[in-house]
């Protein structure tokens, strides 16, 4: 039995049984009734609500996450996501009736919202509660069964969720498994109907390759270097405070944290004056003693970050202090960073903010476009035309204008990446959709057979003309029919009235005269 710290990994043979059990549960239609889904969503809400202090404590032990950040960035988001799913589930799950062309006036056409099946959710360690249970809300709402794999790096959260899952959720439909890379590799060898992964781009490629073997649908919520474009025409005081808040939230260990700043030289000078003031306002004179500042997840990531600081050729103008025993790295600002600097080679994922000086807005946009598509983009300017210009000439998964990260919290905004920052999106209705299959459905009544005879051989010109009236619209820009069959451009209103009248006659005849 493999263990790491006090976390016991799930045995391979246990995983095989769990996958089999959940698949059987799905095909027995246990999770499909809306009443069952709502009951399980309510149970998930209670799991969070009744154990919120324990969740906060687990997050403190894993990340020294401040209570306010744990509440705002984890449990509050989850509770609201669940409540919105409960409120809208009847509407979202109902068949969607679609418009029909004239030729299908007698048919009933609609889209059934069906659960995709048995799904696998793999989450990251930086927000180990919301990034695991957030997708689960969508899976439960859609009527799926789900296996949840938390990060083994956030040990205390993983242990707590292992204890709570079977107490609140149906264990035959929703299971939590523990493990590291080996266990995850085995899980990916199984057939799932959808895989939802949150984590690094490197692992995302492995997930995608494994999913391809079974042609499994996937959602990849990855990351990247999300830039701040700070223009001259902005409020420096407010902008600096918002950027620092986004960068230092969870000690910079956030996939949507601002990764670096692009600005002109005069703007760099202005923000370097303002940053110490904003830091003191938010964290006091001694950041290491602040209750509002988290820690790095483990020594491996601590060493990675301090190595970046040792190798950068930029100027460390603020911060740079660290304490390995305490997993503390001070908020660090590095000025005059160049595009080939070590800080620009990968997503930083820590409290280090490089500043890159550019000549103008066009150069900033070119800089962004020369890198892989970021998960987020943060332009700051008072000028709406400047903001529009930035959005029109860049690509990113999402954007917050004159702010950082807040778009993630609005569950009516789909959240997801583009290119190397991810594929697919979720939150709100999109969470329901990602775990659903839209099954296009058409019904044809038997009484309409007389009107449908034109589709059968032998084909004649008369039949083609009837079908043309029913199926083909004539565009206004077509003046000549040439050698093609032409059906004219007269209004079909009268023809439609005739079709409806004949249909009514055929229906009454079939219903009452036989």
Protein backbone atom coordinates (compact mmCIF):
# COMPACT_ATOMS: atom_id res chain seq x y z
CA UNK A 1 0.00 0.00 0.00
CA UNK A 2 1.58 3.22 -1.19
CA UNK A 3 1.54 6.26 1.08
CA UNK A 4 2.89 9.78 1.02
CA UNK A 5 2.95 11.60 4.36
CA UNK A 6 -0.35 10.38 5.86
CA UNK A 7 -2.18 10.06 2.56
CA UNK A 8 -3.02 6.49 1.56
CA UNK A 9 -3.17 5.89 -2.17
CA UNK A 10 -6.01 3.89 -3.66
CA UNK A 11 -4.97 0.42 -4.80
CA UNK A 12 -5.18 -0.39 -8.50
CA UNK A 13 -7.64 -3.24 -7.93
CA UNK A 14 -9.85 -0.88 -5.91
CA UNK A 15 -9.81 1.63 -8.76
CA UNK A 16 -10.89 -1.07 -11.20
CA UNK A 17 -13.86 -1.91 -8.98
CA UNK A 18 -14.79 1.75 -8.54
CA UNK A 19 -14.75 2.41 -12.29
CA UNK A 20 -16.91 -0.70 -12.87
CA UNK A 21 -19.38 0.19 -10.11
CA UNK A 22 -19.88 3.75 -11.31
CA UNK A 23 -20.38 2.65 -14.90
CA UNK A 24 -23.01 0.13 -13.79
CA UNK A 25 -24.73 2.83 -11.75
CA UNK A 26 -24.89 5.09 -14.77
CA UNK A 27 -26.39 2.47 -17.06
CA UNK A 28 -28.97 1.63 -14.42
CA UNK A 29 -30.22 5.23 -14.88
CA UNK A 30 -29.90 5.94 -11.16
CA UNK A 31 -28.31 9.37 -11.65
CA UNK A 32 -30.62 10.58 -14.42
CA UNK A 33 -33.82 11.60 -12.54
CA UNK A 34 -33.81 15.30 -11.72
CA UNK A 35 -34.95 14.60 -8.17
CA UNK A 36 -31.84 12.47 -7.58
CA UNK A 37 -29.54 15.10 -9.06
CA UNK A 38 -31.03 17.84 -6.88
CA UNK A 39 -30.73 15.70 -3.77
CA UNK A 40 -27.05 15.01 -4.46
CA UNK A 41 -26.40 18.69 -5.18
CA UNK A 42 -27.99 19.56 -1.86
CA UNK A 43 -25.77 16.99 -0.18
CA UNK A 44 -22.69 18.51 -1.83
CA UNK A 45 -23.75 21.92 -0.52
CA UNK A 46 -24.07 20.48 2.99
CA UNK A 47 -20.66 18.82 2.66
CA UNK A 48 -19.17 22.28 2.21
CA UNK A 49 -21.42 24.25 4.54
CA UNK A 50 -21.29 21.89 7.53
CA UNK A 51 -17.53 21.38 7.27
CA UNK A 52 -16.36 24.86 6.33
CA UNK A 53 -14.13 25.31 9.41
CA UNK A 54 -12.45 21.96 8.71
CA UNK A 55 -11.95 22.95 5.07
CA UNK A 56 -10.37 26.25 6.12
CA UNK A 57 -8.03 24.44 8.48
CA UNK A 58 -6.97 21.91 5.82
CA UNK A 59 -6.23 24.75 3.41
CA UNK A 60 -4.22 26.51 6.11
CA UNK A 61 -2.15 23.39 6.73
CA UNK A 62 -1.49 22.78 3.03
CA UNK A 63 -0.94 26.35 1.82
CA UNK A 64 -1.19 28.55 4.89
CA UNK A 65 -4.11 29.99 2.96
CA UNK A 66 -5.69 32.97 4.75
CA UNK A 67 -9.21 32.32 5.96
CA UNK A 68 -10.65 35.14 3.84
CA UNK A 69 -8.96 33.78 0.71
CA UNK A 70 -10.18 30.26 1.50
CA UNK A 71 -13.70 31.57 1.93
CA UNK A 72 -13.76 33.92 -1.05
CA UNK A 73 -11.74 31.76 -3.46
CA UNK A 74 -13.02 28.31 -2.53
CA UNK A 75 -16.20 27.74 -0.51
CA UNK A 76 -18.25 30.82 -1.48
CA UNK A 77 -17.75 30.14 -5.19
CA UNK A 78 -18.78 26.52 -4.75
CA UNK A 79 -21.89 27.28 -2.73
CA UNK A 80 -23.11 29.80 -5.28
CA UNK A 81 -22.37 27.42 -8.15
CA UNK A 82 -24.48 24.73 -6.48
CA UNK A 83 -27.36 27.09 -5.72
CA UNK A 84 -27.41 28.37 -9.31
CA UNK A 85 -27.40 24.79 -10.62
CA UNK A 86 -30.34 23.89 -8.36
CA UNK A 87 -32.24 27.01 -9.40
CA UNK A 88 -31.84 26.46 -13.15
CA UNK A 89 -31.60 22.69 -13.48
CA UNK A 90 -35.19 22.12 -14.62
CA UNK A 91 -34.77 24.65 -17.41
CA UNK A 92 -31.28 23.54 -18.47
CA UNK A 93 -32.22 19.85 -18.54
CA UNK A 94 -35.47 20.30 -20.46
CA UNK A 95 -35.57 19.33 -24.16
CA UNK A 96 -34.87 22.33 -26.36
CA UNK A 97 -37.41 22.73 -29.16
CA UNK A 98 -35.81 24.17 -32.30
CA UNK A 99 -37.17 26.01 -35.31
CA UNK A 100 -38.02 23.87 -38.33
CA UNK A 101 -37.77 24.63 -42.04
CA UNK A 102 -41.05 24.65 -43.97
CA UNK A 103 -40.48 21.15 -45.26
CA UNK A 104 -40.42 19.79 -41.71
CA UNK A 105 -43.50 21.62 -40.43
CA UNK A 106 -45.14 18.31 -39.56
CA UNK A 107 -42.11 17.04 -37.67
CA UNK A 108 -41.30 17.63 -34.04
CA UNK A 109 -37.66 18.69 -33.69
CA UNK A 110 -35.85 19.09 -30.38
CA UNK A 111 -32.54 18.59 -28.58
CA UNK A 112 -32.43 16.20 -25.63
CA UNK A 113 -29.97 17.14 -22.86
CA UNK A 114 -28.52 13.79 -21.82
CA UNK A 115 -25.69 13.00 -19.37
CA UNK A 116 -22.44 12.17 -21.16
CA UNK A 117 -21.77 9.16 -18.90
CA UNK A 118 -19.07 8.21 -16.39
CA UNK A 119 -16.53 11.02 -16.04
CA UNK A 120 -13.11 11.56 -14.49
CA UNK A 121 -12.22 14.83 -12.74
CA UNK A 122 -8.55 15.51 -11.94
CA UNK A 123 -7.78 18.69 -10.03
CA UNK A 124 -4.81 20.81 -9.07
CA UNK A 125 -3.30 21.57 -5.66
CA UNK A 126 -3.45 25.36 -5.63
CA UNK A 127 -7.22 25.60 -5.13
CA UNK A 128 -7.80 21.99 -4.15
CA UNK A 129 -11.44 22.34 -3.11
CA UNK A 130 -13.06 24.52 -5.76
CA UNK A 131 -11.09 23.04 -8.67
CA UNK A 132 -12.25 19.53 -7.75
CA UNK A 133 -15.80 20.12 -6.59
CA UNK A 134 -16.60 22.90 -9.08
CA UNK A 135 -16.59 20.55 -12.09
CA UNK A 136 -18.39 17.95 -9.95
CA UNK A 137 -21.33 20.35 -9.63
CA UNK A 138 -21.71 20.25 -13.41
CA UNK A 139 -21.31 16.46 -13.54
CA UNK A 140 -24.00 15.89 -10.90
CA UNK A 141 -26.32 18.44 -12.49
CA UNK A 142 -25.96 16.81 -15.90
CA UNK A 143 -26.76 13.35 -14.45
CA UNK A 144 -23.32 11.76 -14.75
CA UNK A 145 -21.39 9.49 -12.43
CA UNK A 146 -17.95 10.79 -11.50
CA UNK A 147 -14.58 9.72 -10.16
CA UNK A 148 -12.73 12.61 -8.50
CA UNK A 149 -8.94 12.59 -8.17
CA UNK A 150 -7.64 15.39 -5.87
CA UNK A 151 -4.02 16.48 -5.94
CA UNK A 152 -1.78 14.42 -3.70
CA UNK A 153 0.26 17.57 -3.01
CA UNK A 154 -2.54 19.18 -0.97
CA UNK A 155 -2.49 16.31 1.52
CA UNK A 156 -4.77 17.67 4.25
CA UNK A 157 -7.52 18.66 1.83
CA UNK A 158 -7.28 15.27 0.11
CA UNK A 159 -7.59 13.48 3.48
CA UNK A 160 -10.57 15.58 4.51
CA UNK A 161 -12.42 15.01 1.24
CA UNK A 162 -11.79 11.26 1.49
CA UNK A 163 -13.56 11.31 4.83
CA UNK A 164 -16.46 13.51 3.73
CA UNK A 165 -17.31 12.07 0.30
CA UNK A 166 -18.96 8.82 1.44
CA UNK A 167 -20.76 10.60 4.29
CA UNK A 168 -22.59 13.00 1.99
CA UNK A 169 -22.63 11.62 -1.56
CA UNK A 170 -23.88 8.36 -3.06
CA UNK A 171 -20.71 6.19 -3.11
CA UNK A 172 -22.06 4.15 -6.02
CA UNK A 173 -22.21 7.27 -8.17
CA UNK A 174 -19.51 9.63 -6.89
CA UNK A 175 -16.16 8.31 -5.70
CA UNK A 176 -12.91 9.91 -4.64
CA UNK A 177 -9.60 8.15 -5.32
CA UNK A 178 -6.13 9.05 -4.11
CA UNK A 179 -2.79 8.70 -5.82
CA UNK A 180 0.19 10.16 -7.59
CA UNK A 181 1.39 9.95 -11.19
CA UNK A 182 1.33 6.12 -11.28
CA UNK A 183 -2.24 5.88 -10.03
CA UNK A 184 -3.36 8.65 -12.37
CA UNK A 185 -1.71 6.86 -15.29
CA UNK A 186 -3.69 3.73 -14.47
CA UNK A 187 -6.92 5.70 -14.19
CA UNK A 188 -6.35 7.15 -17.64
CA UNK A 189 -6.09 3.66 -19.11
CA UNK A 190 -9.76 3.13 -18.29
CA UNK A 191 -12.57 4.12 -20.58
CA UNK A 192 -14.32 7.31 -19.50
CA UNK A 193 -16.93 9.37 -21.32
CA UNK A 194 -15.32 12.70 -20.40
CA UNK A 195 -12.12 13.74 -18.66
CA UNK A 196 -11.92 17.11 -16.93
CA UNK A 197 -8.38 18.14 -15.98
CA UNK A 198 -7.08 21.23 -14.22
CA UNK A 199 -3.32 21.69 -14.00
CA UNK A 200 -0.18 22.33 -16.00
CA UNK A 201 0.14 22.42 -19.77
CA UNK A 202 2.78 19.65 -19.68
CA UNK A 203 0.46 17.23 -17.89
CA UNK A 204 -2.44 18.43 -20.03
CA UNK A 205 -0.66 17.04 -23.08
CA UNK A 206 -0.34 13.66 -21.33
CA UNK A 207 -4.05 13.70 -20.45
CA UNK A 208 -4.97 14.57 -24.04
CA UNK A 209 -2.81 11.76 -25.45
CA UNK A 210 -4.38 9.23 -23.07
CA UNK A 211 -7.89 10.42 -23.91
CA UNK A 212 -7.18 10.11 -27.63
CA UNK A 213 -6.66 6.35 -27.28
CA UNK A 214 -10.34 5.97 -26.38
CA UNK A 215 -11.57 9.01 -28.33
CA UNK A 216 -12.69 10.47 -25.00
CA UNK A 217 -13.99 14.02 -24.79
CA UNK A 218 -11.83 16.27 -22.63
CA UNK A 219 -11.80 19.65 -20.95
CA UNK A 220 -8.36 21.07 -20.18
CA UNK A 221 -8.11 23.99 -17.76
CA UNK A 222 -4.42 24.86 -17.94
CA UNK A 223 -2.50 28.10 -17.45
CA UNK A 224 0.16 30.22 -19.08
CA UNK A 225 1.75 33.61 -18.72
CA UNK A 226 -1.18 36.00 -18.29
CA UNK A 227 0.03 39.55 -19.05
CA UNK A 228 -0.88 42.94 -17.66
CA UNK A 229 -0.79 45.72 -20.25
CA UNK A 230 -0.51 48.90 -18.19
CA UNK A 231 -0.98 52.00 -20.32
CA UNK A 232 -0.04 55.60 -19.56
CA UNK A 233 -3.69 56.58 -19.42
CA UNK A 234 -4.63 54.73 -16.24
CA UNK A 235 -5.09 55.32 -12.53
CA UNK A 236 -1.70 54.16 -11.22
CA UNK A 237 -2.70 53.99 -7.54
CA UNK A 238 -5.77 51.82 -8.12
CA UNK A 239 -4.14 49.77 -10.88
CA UNK A 240 -1.13 48.86 -8.72
CA UNK A 241 -3.33 47.76 -5.82
CA UNK A 242 -5.49 45.57 -8.09
CA UNK A 243 -2.47 44.02 -9.81
CA UNK A 244 -0.77 43.25 -6.49
CA UNK A 245 -3.97 41.75 -5.12
CA UNK A 246 -4.21 39.42 -8.10
CA UNK A 247 -0.52 38.56 -8.06
CA UNK A 248 -0.22 37.87 -4.32
CA UNK A 249 -3.55 36.08 -3.84
CA UNK A 250 -2.65 32.56 -2.66
CA UNK A 251 1.00 33.67 -2.81
CA UNK A 252 0.86 33.90 -6.60
CA UNK A 253 -0.12 30.24 -6.97
CA UNK A 254 -3.12 30.94 -9.19
CA UNK A 255 -3.44 29.94 -12.84
CA UNK A 256 -5.09 33.28 -13.65
CA UNK A 257 -2.67 35.45 -11.64
CA UNK A 258 -1.03 38.29 -13.57
CA UNK A 259 2.31 36.80 -14.62
CA UNK A 260 4.14 39.91 -15.86
CA UNK A 261 3.59 43.59 -16.61
CA UNK A 262 4.16 45.36 -19.93
CA UNK A 263 4.45 49.13 -19.72
CA UNK A 264 6.41 52.12 -20.94
CA UNK A 265 9.45 53.29 -19.00
CA UNK A 266 7.69 56.25 -17.38
CA UNK A 267 4.92 53.94 -16.18
CA UNK A 268 7.47 51.51 -14.68
CA UNK A 269 8.96 54.36 -12.64
CA UNK A 270 5.51 55.37 -11.39
CA UNK A 271 4.44 51.89 -10.32
CA UNK A 272 7.76 51.20 -8.58
CA UNK A 273 7.03 54.21 -6.39
CA UNK A 274 3.50 53.05 -5.65
CA UNK A 275 4.08 49.33 -5.04
CA UNK A 276 5.75 49.68 -1.59
CA UNK A 277 2.87 51.88 -0.44
CA UNK A 278 0.25 49.39 -1.61
CA UNK A 279 2.15 46.48 -0.08
CA UNK A 280 2.25 48.15 3.33
CA UNK A 281 -1.47 48.91 3.14
CA UNK A 282 -2.33 45.27 2.37
CA UNK A 283 0.31 43.26 4.25
CA UNK A 284 1.80 45.61 6.87
CA UNK A 285 5.48 46.29 7.45
CA UNK A 286 6.45 42.61 7.85
CA UNK A 287 4.83 40.42 5.20
CA UNK A 288 6.13 37.21 6.75
CA UNK A 289 4.15 37.93 9.91
CA UNK A 290 1.00 38.86 8.01
CA UNK A 291 -2.05 36.62 8.45
CA UNK A 292 -3.14 37.60 4.94
CA UNK A 293 -0.23 36.03 3.06
CA UNK A 294 -0.09 32.37 2.05
CA UNK A 295 2.96 30.13 1.61
CA UNK A 296 4.47 28.05 -1.21
CA UNK A 297 2.98 24.56 -1.40
CA UNK A 298 6.22 22.58 -0.85
CA UNK A 299 10.02 22.71 -0.98
CA UNK A 300 10.22 21.61 -4.61
CA UNK A 301 8.22 24.59 -5.79
CA UNK A 302 10.04 26.85 -3.32
CA UNK A 303 13.39 25.80 -4.79
CA UNK A 304 12.09 26.32 -8.33
CA UNK A 305 11.05 29.89 -7.53
CA UNK A 306 14.21 30.87 -5.66
CA UNK A 307 16.23 29.43 -8.53
CA UNK A 308 14.40 31.80 -10.89
CA UNK A 309 15.35 34.74 -8.69
CA UNK A 310 18.98 33.66 -8.60
CA UNK A 311 19.16 33.37 -12.38
CA UNK A 312 17.19 36.41 -13.51
CA UNK A 313 19.12 39.24 -15.18
CA UNK A 314 16.48 41.77 -14.20
CA UNK A 315 16.75 44.14 -11.23
CA UNK A 316 15.15 42.90 -8.02
CA UNK A 317 13.88 46.24 -6.78
CA UNK A 318 11.38 45.10 -4.15
CA UNK A 319 11.41 41.92 -2.05
CA UNK A 320 13.55 38.91 -2.87
CA UNK A 321 13.71 37.61 0.71
CA UNK A 322 12.89 33.97 1.40
CA UNK A 323 12.75 31.43 4.23
CA UNK A 324 12.86 27.79 3.12
CA UNK A 325 11.86 26.37 6.49
CA UNK A 326 8.75 28.54 6.45
CA UNK A 327 8.15 28.14 2.68
CA UNK A 328 8.03 31.94 2.55
CA UNK A 329 8.97 34.05 -0.44
CA UNK A 330 8.41 37.78 -0.11
CA UNK A 331 6.44 39.69 -2.75
CA UNK A 332 9.15 40.36 -5.31
CA UNK A 333 9.21 42.90 -8.13
CA UNK A 334 11.82 42.50 -10.86
CA UNK A 335 12.30 45.51 -13.14
CA UNK A 336 13.81 45.81 -16.62
CA UNK A 337 13.20 42.17 -17.51
CA UNK A 338 13.87 41.15 -21.13
CA UNK A 339 12.00 38.66 -23.29
CA UNK A 340 14.79 36.05 -23.04
CA UNK A 341 15.06 36.23 -19.25
CA UNK A 342 14.57 33.04 -17.20
CA UNK A 343 11.44 34.60 -15.68
CA UNK A 344 9.81 34.65 -19.10
CA UNK A 345 10.43 31.02 -20.02
CA UNK A 346 7.54 29.49 -18.07
CA UNK A 347 4.53 30.40 -15.95
CA UNK A 348 5.96 31.74 -12.67
CA UNK A 349 3.23 30.51 -10.30
CA UNK A 350 4.59 32.41 -7.33
CA UNK A 351 4.85 35.92 -5.82
CA UNK A 352 7.35 37.21 -8.38
CA UNK A 353 6.28 39.95 -10.80
CA UNK A 354 8.55 40.87 -13.73
CA UNK A 355 8.15 44.26 -15.39
CA UNK A 356 9.03 44.54 -19.08
CA UNK A 357 9.50 47.98 -20.61
CA UNK A 358 8.10 48.54 -24.11
CA UNK A 359 8.13 51.59 -26.35
CA UNK A 360 4.41 51.75 -27.04
CA UNK A 361 1.13 49.83 -27.05
CA UNK A 362 1.85 48.20 -30.41
CA UNK A 363 5.07 46.71 -29.07
CA UNK A 364 3.22 45.39 -26.01
CA UNK A 365 0.65 43.70 -28.20
CA UNK A 366 3.36 42.20 -30.40
CA UNK A 367 5.11 40.89 -27.27
CA UNK A 368 1.93 39.16 -26.09
CA UNK A 369 1.24 37.65 -29.50
CA UNK A 370 4.76 36.22 -29.74
CA UNK A 371 4.06 34.01 -26.72
CA UNK A 372 1.58 31.11 -26.46
CA UNK A 373 -2.01 32.22 -25.88
CA UNK A 374 -2.46 33.15 -22.20
CA UNK A 375 -5.33 32.03 -20.01
CA UNK A 376 -6.12 35.65 -19.16
CA UNK A 377 -5.32 39.18 -20.29
CA UNK A 378 -5.41 42.27 -18.08
CA UNK A 379 -5.40 45.63 -19.92
CA UNK A 380 -5.49 48.80 -17.81
CA UNK A 381 -6.56 52.11 -19.34
CA UNK A 382 -9.15 54.86 -18.91
CA UNK A 383 -9.57 55.04 -22.67
CA UNK A 384 -12.22 52.65 -24.03
CA UNK A 385 -10.75 52.79 -27.54
CA UNK A 386 -7.39 51.64 -26.19
CA UNK A 387 -9.03 48.72 -24.38
CA UNK A 388 -10.94 47.79 -27.51
CA UNK A 389 -7.74 47.96 -29.56
CA UNK A 390 -5.98 45.59 -27.16
CA UNK A 391 -8.86 43.10 -27.19
CA UNK A 392 -9.20 43.24 -30.98
CA UNK A 393 -5.51 42.52 -31.54
CA UNK A 394 -4.75 39.82 -28.95
CA UNK A 395 -6.02 36.38 -27.98
CA UNK A 396 -6.60 34.93 -24.52
CA UNK A 397 -8.93 32.57 -22.71
CA UNK A 398 -10.57 35.43 -20.83
CA UNK A 399 -9.97 39.03 -19.82
CA UNK A 400 -10.61 41.41 -16.96
CA UNK A 401 -10.41 45.07 -17.89
CA UNK A 402 -8.84 47.39 -15.31
CA UNK A 403 -8.80 44.51 -12.85
CA UNK A 404 -7.41 41.00 -12.32
CA UNK A 405 -9.02 37.57 -11.95
CA UNK A 406 -12.58 38.72 -11.17
CA UNK A 407 -14.08 37.24 -14.34
CA UNK A 408 -13.46 33.76 -12.84
CA UNK A 409 -15.98 34.48 -10.09
CA UNK A 410 -18.87 35.40 -12.41
CA UNK A 411 -20.50 32.07 -13.19
CA UNK A 412 -22.50 33.47 -16.10
CA UNK A 413 -19.14 33.98 -17.83
CA UNK A 414 -17.73 30.72 -19.26
CA UNK A 415 -14.22 30.18 -17.95
CA UNK A 416 -11.57 28.44 -20.03
CA UNK A 417 -8.43 28.78 -22.08
CA UNK A 418 -7.45 28.85 -25.72
CA UNK A 419 -4.55 27.09 -27.42
CA UNK A 420 -1.91 26.04 -24.93
CA UNK A 421 -3.87 27.56 -22.03
CA UNK A 422 -6.65 25.02 -22.38
CA UNK A 423 -9.71 23.86 -24.26
CA UNK A 424 -13.33 23.90 -23.24
CA UNK A 425 -14.94 26.00 -20.54
CA UNK A 426 -17.19 25.71 -17.52
CA UNK A 427 -19.06 27.62 -14.76
CA UNK A 428 -22.80 28.11 -14.56
CA UNK A 429 -24.75 26.66 -17.46
CA UNK A 430 -21.52 25.85 -19.27
CA UNK A 431 -20.69 23.40 -16.44
CA UNK A 432 -23.97 21.63 -17.16
CA UNK A 433 -23.30 21.66 -20.90
CA UNK A 434 -19.75 20.29 -20.67
CA UNK A 435 -21.01 17.08 -19.06
CA UNK A 436 -24.06 16.79 -21.31
CA UNK A 437 -24.66 15.33 -24.76
CA UNK A 438 -27.02 17.24 -27.03
CA UNK A 439 -28.98 14.49 -28.72
CA UNK A 440 -30.71 15.87 -31.82
CA UNK A 441 -34.13 14.24 -32.16
CA UNK A 442 -36.82 14.33 -34.87
CA UNK A 443 -40.29 12.77 -34.75
CA UNK A 444 -42.38 12.09 -37.85
CA UNK A 445 -46.11 11.32 -37.47
CA UNK A 446 -47.54 8.42 -39.49
CA UNK A 447 -50.52 10.50 -40.59
CA UNK A 448 -48.21 12.69 -42.69
CA UNK A 449 -47.20 9.88 -45.03
CA UNK A 450 -49.30 11.12 -47.95
CA UNK A 451 -47.45 14.42 -47.94
CA UNK A 452 -44.08 12.69 -47.76
CA UNK A 453 -44.52 10.42 -50.76
CA UNK A 454 -42.55 12.82 -52.94
CA UNK A 455 -39.29 11.62 -51.38
CA UNK A 456 -39.69 8.06 -52.62
CA UNK A 457 -38.62 6.71 -56.04
CA UNK A 458 -39.49 6.78 -58.84
CA UNK A 459 -38.27 10.39 -58.96
CA UNK A 460 -40.17 12.78 -61.23
CA UNK A 461 -40.01 16.47 -62.08
CA UNK A 462 -43.30 17.00 -60.29
CA UNK A 463 -41.95 15.42 -57.10
CA UNK A 464 -38.80 17.53 -57.32
CA UNK A 465 -40.88 20.67 -57.61
CA UNK A 466 -42.93 19.74 -54.54
CA UNK A 467 -39.77 19.02 -52.55
CA UNK A 468 -38.25 22.25 -53.80
CA UNK A 469 -41.20 24.26 -52.49
CA UNK A 470 -40.82 22.54 -49.15
CA UNK A 471 -37.07 22.43 -48.68
CA UNK A 472 -35.31 25.08 -50.78
CA UNK A 473 -35.27 28.80 -50.10
CA UNK A 474 -34.62 31.04 -53.08
CA UNK A 475 -32.16 33.83 -52.29
CA UNK A 476 -33.08 37.35 -53.37
CA UNK A 477 -29.82 37.76 -55.30
CA UNK A 478 -30.64 34.87 -57.69
CA UNK A 479 -32.24 36.23 -60.87
CA UNK A 480 -31.85 33.32 -63.23
CA UNK A 481 -32.17 29.64 -62.67
CA UNK A 482 -29.71 28.70 -65.43
CA UNK A 483 -29.66 24.96 -65.96
CA UNK A 484 -30.71 24.21 -62.40
CA UNK A 485 -34.17 23.44 -61.15
CA UNK A 486 -35.74 26.78 -60.15
CA UNK A 487 -38.65 27.04 -57.81
CA UNK A 488 -39.36 30.73 -58.06
CA UNK A 489 -39.27 33.42 -55.40
CA UNK A 490 -42.95 33.74 -54.60
CA UNK A 491 -44.09 33.82 -50.99
CA UNK A 492 -44.66 30.40 -49.50
CA UNK A 493 -47.26 31.64 -47.04
CA UNK A 494 -50.18 30.40 -49.06
CA UNK A 495 -48.47 27.09 -49.68
CA UNK A 496 -47.76 26.69 -45.97
CA UNK A 497 -51.43 27.36 -45.14
CA UNK A 498 -52.39 24.68 -47.62
CA UNK A 499 -49.92 22.21 -46.09
CA UNK A 500 -51.27 22.87 -42.59
CA UNK A 501 -54.85 22.43 -43.74
CA UNK A 502 -54.06 19.15 -45.50
CA UNK A 503 -52.10 17.96 -42.47
CA UNK A 504 -55.02 18.70 -40.17
CA UNK A 505 -57.34 16.79 -42.49
CA UNK A 506 -54.96 13.81 -42.63
CA UNK A 507 -54.51 13.80 -38.85
CA UNK A 508 -58.27 13.89 -38.18
CA UNK A 509 -58.86 11.23 -40.80
CA UNK A 510 -56.18 8.97 -39.30
CA UNK A 511 -57.34 9.58 -35.72
CA UNK A 512 -61.09 9.30 -35.98
CA UNK A 513 -62.11 7.73 -39.31
CA UNK A 514 -60.22 4.42 -39.14
